[in-house]
Amino acid sequence: MAIPLSASDVLNREFLVVRAGLIDLAAALDRIGRAEGSVSDDHRWKTIRQALEVLSGEAASRAEELQLLFSLPYQDNWQQE
């Protein structure tokens, strides 16, 4: 049976990947901010802002919350559409 990693071990293993993802995200947000026009009324922008709020929280289910945030609601008749 494998011994679970400590939080410090997980951080050591994941730090560079997380850092790279955050830098990519910051760059994308910078490009949006520098572009002409506004996206403040765009539902995708609002969803991104909500996702950033989820990420800044302490919940252990952030990945699940983001998946639900970016998913379409279930529809019983999805096969017909």
Protein backbone atom coordinates (compact mmCIF):
# COMPACT_ATOMS: atom_id res chain seq x y z
CA MET A 1 0.00 0.00 0.00
CA ALA A 2 1.37 3.41 -0.98
CA ILE A 3 2.07 5.95 1.71
CA PRO A 4 0.09 9.16 1.07
CA LEU A 5 2.20 12.20 0.23
CA SER A 6 2.32 15.13 2.60
CA ALA A 7 1.03 18.52 1.47
CA SER A 8 4.63 19.68 1.23
CA ASP A 9 5.52 16.71 -1.00
CA VAL A 10 2.56 17.42 -3.28
CA LEU A 11 3.53 21.10 -3.48
CA ASN A 12 7.11 20.13 -4.35
CA ARG A 13 5.83 17.85 -7.11
CA GLU A 14 3.20 20.23 -8.54
CA PHE A 15 4.74 23.67 -8.04
CA LEU A 16 6.29 24.18 -11.48
CA VAL A 17 3.19 22.95 -13.32
CA VAL A 18 0.93 25.19 -11.22
CA ARG A 19 3.27 28.15 -11.67
CA ALA A 20 3.30 27.68 -15.45
CA GLY A 21 -0.50 27.46 -15.57
CA LEU A 22 -0.89 30.62 -13.51
CA ILE A 23 1.54 32.51 -15.73
CA ASP A 24 -0.38 31.35 -18.83
CA LEU A 25 -3.64 32.46 -17.21
CA ALA A 26 -2.21 35.85 -16.25
CA ALA A 27 -0.92 36.36 -19.78
CA ALA A 28 -4.33 35.57 -21.28
CA LEU A 29 -6.04 37.96 -18.86
CA ASP A 30 -3.46 40.64 -19.72
CA ARG A 31 -4.17 40.21 -23.44
CA ILE A 32 -7.90 40.54 -22.84
CA GLY A 33 -7.32 43.62 -20.69
CA ARG A 34 -5.12 45.32 -23.29
CA ALA A 35 -7.42 44.56 -26.23
CA GLU A 36 -9.86 47.13 -27.54
CA GLY A 37 -13.45 46.92 -26.40
CA SER A 38 -15.01 45.34 -23.35
CA VAL A 39 -16.02 41.84 -22.40
CA SER A 40 -17.73 42.81 -19.14
CA ASP A 41 -21.13 41.71 -20.47
CA ASP A 42 -19.87 38.44 -21.97
CA HIS A 43 -21.09 35.38 -20.06
CA ARG A 44 -17.74 33.65 -20.61
CA TRP A 45 -15.92 36.52 -18.89
CA LYS A 46 -18.34 36.34 -15.99
CA THR A 47 -17.71 32.59 -15.72
CA ILE A 48 -13.96 33.16 -15.70
CA ARG A 49 -14.36 35.70 -12.89
CA GLN A 50 -16.45 33.19 -10.92
CA ALA A 51 -13.79 30.54 -11.49
CA LEU A 52 -11.12 32.85 -10.10
CA GLU A 53 -13.25 33.30 -6.98
CA VAL A 54 -13.53 29.52 -6.60
CA LEU A 55 -9.77 29.15 -6.99
CA SER A 56 -9.09 31.77 -4.35
CA GLY A 57 -11.16 29.85 -1.81
CA GLU A 58 -10.08 27.07 0.52
CA ALA A 59 -12.61 24.39 -0.47
CA ALA A 60 -11.22 20.92 -1.07
CA SER A 61 -13.55 20.53 -4.06
CA ARG A 62 -12.29 23.38 -6.27
CA ALA A 63 -11.78 21.13 -9.30
CA GLU A 64 -15.34 19.81 -9.02
CA GLU A 65 -16.73 23.32 -8.58
CA LEU A 66 -14.91 24.53 -11.70
CA GLN A 67 -16.06 21.53 -13.71
CA LEU A 68 -19.66 22.27 -12.76
CA LEU A 69 -19.20 25.98 -13.43
CA PHE A 70 -18.00 25.33 -16.99
CA SER A 71 -20.50 22.53 -17.70
CA LEU A 72 -23.91 22.77 -19.28
CA PRO A 73 -26.85 21.79 -17.07
CA TYR A 74 -28.10 18.25 -17.59
CA GLN A 75 -31.05 17.89 -19.94
CA ASP A 76 -33.16 14.76 -20.10
CA ASN A 77 -33.58 15.07 -23.86
CA TRP A 78 -29.88 15.55 -24.66
CA GLN A 79 -29.89 12.65 -27.14
CA GLN A 80 -32.52 14.32 -29.32
CA GLU A 81 -30.61 17.60 -29.53
